[in-house]
Amino acid sequence: MSETDFAAFEPKSSGDRTIMHILYGMHTVAWASLGTLAVIALIINYIKRGDEQDQLYEDHHSYMISTFWWTVLWLVVTSPLYLLLIFPGVVAQGIVGLWYLYRCIKGWLRFNDNRPPR
């Protein structure tokens, strides 16, 4: 029977929590930077998720990553609506934007309560 080396598991520091809050904040206000902050946060999410040993943190990184990519997919799918008229495209992409904001805020609140994102 093998023994678990608990020294290999580093406890979460307040810095790790701060990074998660910053990433959620970057995703939440990404609209103000035309998505640039979301792309930067996405890159950091991928890097941090690969190094993560805490399941809660890994789940939140995955949640932010999937939220980003689903949003990109729905923005691409709704883009042809601009060819019909401007209004349907604006409405559709506005709904996608609100969904993205909802997911970011929901995940952030759940992380703040030490709960998994789903």
N, C-alpha and C. Protein backbone atom coordinates (compact mmCIF):
# COMPACT_ATOMS: atom_id res chain seq x y z
N MET A 1 0.84 -1.17 0.00
CA MET A 1 0.00 0.00 0.00
C MET A 1 0.89 1.24 0.00
N SER A 2 0.63 2.16 -0.92
CA SER A 2 1.47 3.35 -1.00
C SER A 2 0.94 4.43 -0.07
N GLU A 3 1.86 5.22 0.41
CA GLU A 3 1.49 6.31 1.29
C GLU A 3 1.36 7.60 0.48
N THR A 4 0.45 8.44 0.90
CA THR A 4 0.25 9.72 0.23
C THR A 4 1.22 10.73 0.81
N ASP A 5 1.91 11.42 -0.06
CA ASP A 5 2.84 12.46 0.37
C ASP A 5 2.08 13.78 0.44
N PHE A 6 1.60 14.10 1.64
CA PHE A 6 0.80 15.31 1.79
C PHE A 6 1.63 16.58 1.61
N ALA A 7 2.92 16.47 1.69
CA ALA A 7 3.77 17.64 1.45
C ALA A 7 3.72 18.07 -0.01
N ALA A 8 3.35 17.14 -0.90
CA ALA A 8 3.27 17.46 -2.33
C ALA A 8 2.06 18.35 -2.63
N PHE A 9 1.08 18.33 -1.75
CA PHE A 9 -0.12 19.15 -1.94
C PHE A 9 0.03 20.45 -1.17
N GLU A 10 0.19 21.52 -1.91
CA GLU A 10 0.34 22.81 -1.27
C GLU A 10 -1.04 23.36 -0.94
N PRO A 11 -1.21 23.88 0.27
CA PRO A 11 -2.50 24.49 0.59
C PRO A 11 -2.69 25.77 -0.22
N LYS A 12 -3.93 26.10 -0.47
CA LYS A 12 -4.23 27.30 -1.25
C LYS A 12 -3.89 28.54 -0.43
N SER A 13 -3.23 29.45 -1.09
CA SER A 13 -2.87 30.71 -0.42
C SER A 13 -3.90 31.78 -0.79
N SER A 14 -3.83 32.89 -0.09
CA SER A 14 -4.73 33.99 -0.42
C SER A 14 -4.39 34.54 -1.81
N GLY A 15 -3.15 34.37 -2.25
CA GLY A 15 -2.76 34.81 -3.59
C GLY A 15 -3.47 34.01 -4.67
N ASP A 16 -3.67 32.72 -4.43
CA ASP A 16 -4.40 31.88 -5.40
C ASP A 16 -5.85 32.34 -5.52
N ARG A 17 -6.45 32.67 -4.38
CA ARG A 17 -7.83 33.18 -4.39
C ARG A 17 -7.90 34.52 -5.11
N THR A 18 -6.92 35.36 -4.87
CA THR A 18 -6.89 36.67 -5.50
C THR A 18 -6.79 36.53 -7.01
N ILE A 19 -5.96 35.62 -7.48
CA ILE A 19 -5.83 35.39 -8.93
C ILE A 19 -7.17 34.97 -9.52
N MET A 20 -7.88 34.07 -8.84
CA MET A 20 -9.19 33.65 -9.35
C MET A 20 -10.16 34.83 -9.41
N HIS A 21 -10.15 35.67 -8.39
CA HIS A 21 -11.03 36.84 -8.40
C HIS A 21 -10.66 37.79 -9.54
N ILE A 22 -9.38 37.96 -9.77
CA ILE A 22 -8.93 38.82 -10.88
C ILE A 22 -9.37 38.23 -12.22
N LEU A 23 -9.23 36.92 -12.38
CA LEU A 23 -9.64 36.28 -13.64
C LEU A 23 -11.14 36.43 -13.86
N TYR A 24 -11.93 36.21 -12.82
CA TYR A 24 -13.38 36.41 -12.97
C TYR A 24 -13.68 37.88 -13.29
N GLY A 25 -12.96 38.78 -12.65
CA GLY A 25 -13.16 40.20 -12.95
C GLY A 25 -12.81 40.55 -14.38
N MET A 26 -11.71 39.99 -14.87
CA MET A 26 -11.31 40.25 -16.25
C MET A 26 -12.35 39.72 -17.24
N HIS A 27 -12.86 38.53 -16.98
CA HIS A 27 -13.90 37.98 -17.86
C HIS A 27 -15.16 38.84 -17.79
N THR A 28 -15.51 39.30 -16.60
CA THR A 28 -16.75 40.06 -16.42
C THR A 28 -16.72 41.41 -17.13
N VAL A 29 -15.59 42.09 -17.12
CA VAL A 29 -15.52 43.42 -17.75
C VAL A 29 -14.87 43.37 -19.13
N ALA A 30 -14.81 42.18 -19.72
CA ALA A 30 -14.16 42.02 -21.02
C ALA A 30 -14.84 42.84 -22.11
N TRP A 31 -16.13 43.07 -21.98
CA TRP A 31 -16.85 43.87 -22.99
C TRP A 31 -16.25 45.27 -23.12
N ALA A 32 -15.71 45.81 -22.05
CA ALA A 32 -15.15 47.16 -22.07
C ALA A 32 -13.85 47.21 -22.88
N SER A 33 -13.21 46.07 -23.07
CA SER A 33 -11.95 46.02 -23.83
C SER A 33 -12.14 45.32 -25.16
N LEU A 34 -13.39 45.16 -25.58
CA LEU A 34 -13.73 44.45 -26.82
C LEU A 34 -13.19 43.02 -26.82
N GLY A 35 -13.17 42.40 -25.65
CA GLY A 35 -12.77 41.01 -25.53
C GLY A 35 -11.31 40.75 -25.23
N THR A 36 -10.49 41.79 -25.26
CA THR A 36 -9.06 41.61 -25.02
C THR A 36 -8.79 41.04 -23.64
N LEU A 37 -9.47 41.56 -22.63
CA LEU A 37 -9.27 41.05 -21.27
C LEU A 37 -9.70 39.60 -21.15
N ALA A 38 -10.74 39.22 -21.88
CA ALA A 38 -11.20 37.82 -21.84
C ALA A 38 -10.16 36.90 -22.44
N VAL A 39 -9.52 37.31 -23.52
CA VAL A 39 -8.49 36.47 -24.15
C VAL A 39 -7.28 36.33 -23.21
N ILE A 40 -6.88 37.42 -22.57
CA ILE A 40 -5.76 37.36 -21.61
C ILE A 40 -6.13 36.43 -20.46
N ALA A 41 -7.35 36.59 -19.91
CA ALA A 41 -7.80 35.74 -18.81
C ALA A 41 -7.88 34.28 -19.26
N LEU A 42 -8.32 34.05 -20.48
CA LEU A 42 -8.42 32.69 -21.01
C LEU A 42 -7.04 32.02 -21.04
N ILE A 43 -6.05 32.72 -21.50
CA ILE A 43 -4.69 32.18 -21.54
C ILE A 43 -4.22 31.82 -20.13
N ILE A 44 -4.47 32.71 -19.18
CA ILE A 44 -4.08 32.45 -17.79
C ILE A 44 -4.87 31.26 -17.24
N ASN A 45 -6.17 31.17 -17.58
CA ASN A 45 -6.98 30.02 -17.15
C ASN A 45 -6.37 28.71 -17.62
N TYR A 46 -5.97 28.66 -18.89
CA TYR A 46 -5.35 27.43 -19.41
C TYR A 46 -4.06 27.10 -18.68
N ILE A 47 -3.24 28.10 -18.42
CA ILE A 47 -1.96 27.87 -17.73
C ILE A 47 -2.19 27.39 -16.31
N LYS A 48 -3.06 28.11 -15.58
CA LYS A 48 -3.30 27.77 -14.17
C LYS A 48 -4.02 26.44 -14.02
N ARG A 49 -4.95 26.13 -14.94
CA ARG A 49 -5.68 24.86 -14.84
C ARG A 49 -4.74 23.68 -14.97
N GLY A 50 -3.74 23.80 -15.82
CA GLY A 50 -2.78 22.71 -15.98
C GLY A 50 -1.94 22.44 -14.75
N ASP A 51 -1.75 23.45 -13.92
CA ASP A 51 -0.94 23.30 -12.71
C ASP A 51 -1.78 23.05 -11.46
N GLU A 52 -3.08 23.04 -11.61
CA GLU A 52 -3.98 23.01 -10.46
C GLU A 52 -4.11 21.62 -9.87
N GLN A 53 -4.11 21.55 -8.54
CA GLN A 53 -4.32 20.29 -7.83
C GLN A 53 -5.62 20.32 -7.04
N ASP A 54 -6.16 21.49 -6.79
CA ASP A 54 -7.40 21.64 -6.05
C ASP A 54 -8.57 21.54 -7.04
N GLN A 55 -9.47 20.58 -6.81
CA GLN A 55 -10.58 20.33 -7.74
C GLN A 55 -11.49 21.55 -7.88
N LEU A 56 -11.73 22.27 -6.82
CA LEU A 56 -12.60 23.45 -6.88
C LEU A 56 -12.02 24.49 -7.83
N TYR A 57 -10.74 24.75 -7.71
CA TYR A 57 -10.09 25.74 -8.57
C TYR A 57 -10.05 25.24 -10.02
N GLU A 58 -9.77 23.97 -10.20
CA GLU A 58 -9.74 23.41 -11.56
C GLU A 58 -11.12 23.52 -12.22
N ASP A 59 -12.16 23.24 -11.44
CA ASP A 59 -13.52 23.36 -11.97
C ASP A 59 -13.85 24.79 -12.38
N HIS A 60 -13.41 25.75 -11.60
CA HIS A 60 -13.69 27.15 -11.94
C HIS A 60 -12.89 27.60 -13.16
N HIS A 61 -11.65 27.13 -13.29
CA HIS A 61 -10.90 27.44 -14.51
C HIS A 61 -11.60 26.85 -15.73
N SER A 62 -12.02 25.60 -15.62
CA SER A 62 -12.73 24.95 -16.74
C SER A 62 -14.03 25.66 -17.05
N TYR A 63 -14.72 26.12 -16.03
CA TYR A 63 -15.98 26.84 -16.21
C TYR A 63 -15.75 28.14 -17.00
N MET A 64 -14.71 28.88 -16.64
CA MET A 64 -14.42 30.13 -17.36
C MET A 64 -14.02 29.84 -18.80
N ILE A 65 -13.24 28.78 -19.00
CA ILE A 65 -12.81 28.42 -20.35
C ILE A 65 -14.01 28.04 -21.21
N SER A 66 -14.88 27.19 -20.67
CA SER A 66 -16.04 26.78 -21.47
C SER A 66 -17.00 27.94 -21.71
N THR A 67 -17.15 28.82 -20.75
CA THR A 67 -18.00 30.00 -20.94
C THR A 67 -17.46 30.85 -22.09
N PHE A 68 -16.16 31.05 -22.13
CA PHE A 68 -15.55 31.84 -23.19
C PHE A 68 -15.82 31.21 -24.56
N TRP A 69 -15.53 29.91 -24.69
CA TRP A 69 -15.65 29.27 -26.00
C TRP A 69 -17.10 29.14 -26.45
N TRP A 70 -18.04 28.89 -25.54
CA TRP A 70 -19.45 28.87 -25.92
C TRP A 70 -19.90 30.25 -26.38
N THR A 71 -19.39 31.27 -25.74
CA THR A 71 -19.74 32.63 -26.15
C THR A 71 -19.22 32.92 -27.55
N VAL A 72 -17.99 32.54 -27.83
CA VAL A 72 -17.42 32.74 -29.17
C VAL A 72 -18.26 31.99 -30.20
N LEU A 73 -18.63 30.75 -29.89
CA LEU A 73 -19.45 29.97 -30.82
C LEU A 73 -20.77 30.70 -31.11
N TRP A 74 -21.47 31.16 -30.07
CA TRP A 74 -22.76 31.80 -30.28
C TRP A 74 -22.63 33.15 -30.96
N LEU A 75 -21.53 33.85 -30.75
CA LEU A 75 -21.31 35.10 -31.48
C LEU A 75 -21.11 34.83 -32.97
N VAL A 76 -20.39 33.77 -33.29
CA VAL A 76 -20.19 33.40 -34.71
C VAL A 76 -21.51 32.95 -35.33
N VAL A 77 -22.27 32.14 -34.60
CA VAL A 77 -23.54 31.64 -35.14
C VAL A 77 -24.53 32.78 -35.37
N THR A 78 -24.56 33.76 -34.50
CA THR A 78 -25.52 34.87 -34.65
C THR A 78 -25.03 35.98 -35.57
N SER A 79 -23.79 35.96 -35.97
CA SER A 79 -23.26 37.02 -36.85
C SER A 79 -24.00 37.16 -38.18
N PRO A 80 -24.44 36.08 -38.82
CA PRO A 80 -25.17 36.25 -40.09
C PRO A 80 -26.48 37.05 -39.95
N LEU A 81 -26.99 37.19 -38.76
CA LEU A 81 -28.21 37.98 -38.58
C LEU A 81 -28.00 39.44 -38.97
N TYR A 82 -26.76 39.90 -38.93
CA TYR A 82 -26.47 41.27 -39.36
C TYR A 82 -26.72 41.45 -40.86
N LEU A 83 -26.69 40.37 -41.62
CA LEU A 83 -26.95 40.46 -43.06
C LEU A 83 -28.43 40.74 -43.35
N LEU A 84 -29.30 40.27 -42.45
CA LEU A 84 -30.74 40.53 -42.62
C LEU A 84 -31.03 42.01 -42.37
N LEU A 85 -30.77 42.41 -41.21
CA LEU A 85 -30.91 43.80 -40.76
C LEU A 85 -29.99 43.96 -39.56
N ILE A 86 -29.68 45.15 -39.22
CA ILE A 86 -28.80 45.38 -38.07
C ILE A 86 -29.49 44.95 -36.78
N PHE A 87 -30.77 45.25 -36.64
CA PHE A 87 -31.48 45.02 -35.38
C PHE A 87 -31.45 43.57 -34.90
N PRO A 88 -31.76 42.58 -35.75
CA PRO A 88 -31.71 41.19 -35.25
C PRO A 88 -30.32 40.77 -34.77
N GLY A 89 -29.30 41.23 -35.44
CA GLY A 89 -27.94 40.90 -35.03
C GLY A 89 -27.58 41.52 -33.69
N VAL A 90 -27.98 42.76 -33.52
CA VAL A 90 -27.71 43.45 -32.25
C VAL A 90 -28.44 42.77 -31.11
N VAL A 91 -29.70 42.41 -31.34
CA VAL A 91 -30.49 41.75 -30.29
C VAL A 91 -29.87 40.39 -29.95
N ALA A 92 -29.57 39.60 -30.95
CA ALA A 92 -29.02 38.26 -30.72
C ALA A 92 -27.68 38.33 -29.99
N GLN A 93 -26.80 39.21 -30.44
CA GLN A 93 -25.50 39.29 -29.79
C GLN A 93 -25.59 39.97 -28.43
N GLY A 94 -26.59 40.82 -28.25
CA GLY A 94 -26.84 41.38 -26.93
C GLY A 94 -27.25 40.30 -25.94
N ILE A 95 -28.08 39.37 -26.40
CA ILE A 95 -28.50 38.25 -25.55
C ILE A 95 -27.30 37.37 -25.21
N VAL A 96 -26.44 37.13 -26.19
CA VAL A 96 -25.22 36.34 -25.94
C VAL A 96 -24.34 37.06 -24.92
N GLY A 97 -24.22 38.36 -25.04
CA GLY A 97 -23.42 39.14 -24.09
C GLY A 97 -23.99 39.07 -22.68
N LEU A 98 -25.30 39.15 -22.56
CA LEU A 98 -25.94 39.05 -21.24
C LEU A 98 -25.75 37.65 -20.65
N TRP A 99 -25.82 36.63 -21.50
CA TRP A 99 -25.59 35.26 -21.02
C TRP A 99 -24.15 35.12 -20.49
N TYR A 100 -23.20 35.69 -21.23
CA TYR A 100 -21.79 35.64 -20.81
C TYR A 100 -21.62 36.34 -19.46
N LEU A 101 -22.22 37.51 -19.33
CA LEU A 101 -22.14 38.26 -18.08
C LEU A 101 -22.78 37.46 -16.94
N TYR A 102 -23.93 36.85 -17.20
CA TYR A 102 -24.61 36.02 -16.19
C TYR A 102 -23.70 34.88 -15.73
N ARG A 103 -23.08 34.19 -16.69
CA ARG A 103 -22.22 33.06 -16.34
C ARG A 103 -21.01 33.52 -15.52
N CYS A 104 -20.42 34.64 -15.88
CA CYS A 104 -19.27 35.16 -15.14
C CYS A 104 -19.65 35.52 -13.71
N ILE A 105 -20.76 36.23 -13.56
CA ILE A 105 -21.18 36.65 -12.22
C ILE A 105 -21.59 35.44 -11.38
N LYS A 106 -22.32 34.51 -11.99
CA LYS A 106 -22.74 33.30 -11.27
C LYS A 106 -21.52 32.51 -10.78
N GLY A 107 -20.55 32.29 -11.66
CA GLY A 107 -19.35 31.55 -11.28
C GLY A 107 -18.56 32.27 -10.21
N TRP A 108 -18.46 33.59 -10.34
CA TRP A 108 -17.71 34.39 -9.38
C TRP A 108 -18.35 34.30 -8.00
N LEU A 109 -19.66 34.41 -7.93
CA LEU A 109 -20.37 34.32 -6.65
C LEU A 109 -20.21 32.94 -6.04
N ARG A 110 -20.31 31.91 -6.86
CA ARG A 110 -20.15 30.55 -6.36
C ARG A 110 -18.71 30.30 -5.88
N PHE A 111 -17.72 30.86 -6.60
CA PHE A 111 -16.34 30.72 -6.15
C PHE A 111 -16.16 31.42 -4.80
N ASN A 112 -16.75 32.59 -4.67
CA ASN A 112 -16.64 33.36 -3.42
C ASN A 112 -17.21 32.58 -2.24
N ASP A 113 -18.21 31.73 -2.51
CA ASP A 113 -18.80 30.90 -1.46
C ASP A 113 -18.15 29.52 -1.34
N ASN A 114 -17.00 29.33 -2.03
CA ASN A 114 -16.28 28.05 -2.03
C ASN A 114 -17.14 26.90 -2.53
N ARG A 115 -17.93 27.18 -3.55
CA ARG A 115 -18.80 26.15 -4.15
C ARG A 115 -18.36 25.93 -5.60
N PRO A 116 -18.59 24.73 -6.12
CA PRO A 116 -18.26 24.49 -7.54
C PRO A 116 -19.14 25.35 -8.44
N PRO A 117 -18.70 25.61 -9.65
CA PRO A 117 -19.45 26.53 -10.53
C PRO A 117 -20.79 25.99 -10.97
N ARG A 118 -20.99 24.70 -10.99
CA ARG A 118 -22.26 24.13 -11.47
C ARG A 118 -22.97 23.43 -10.37
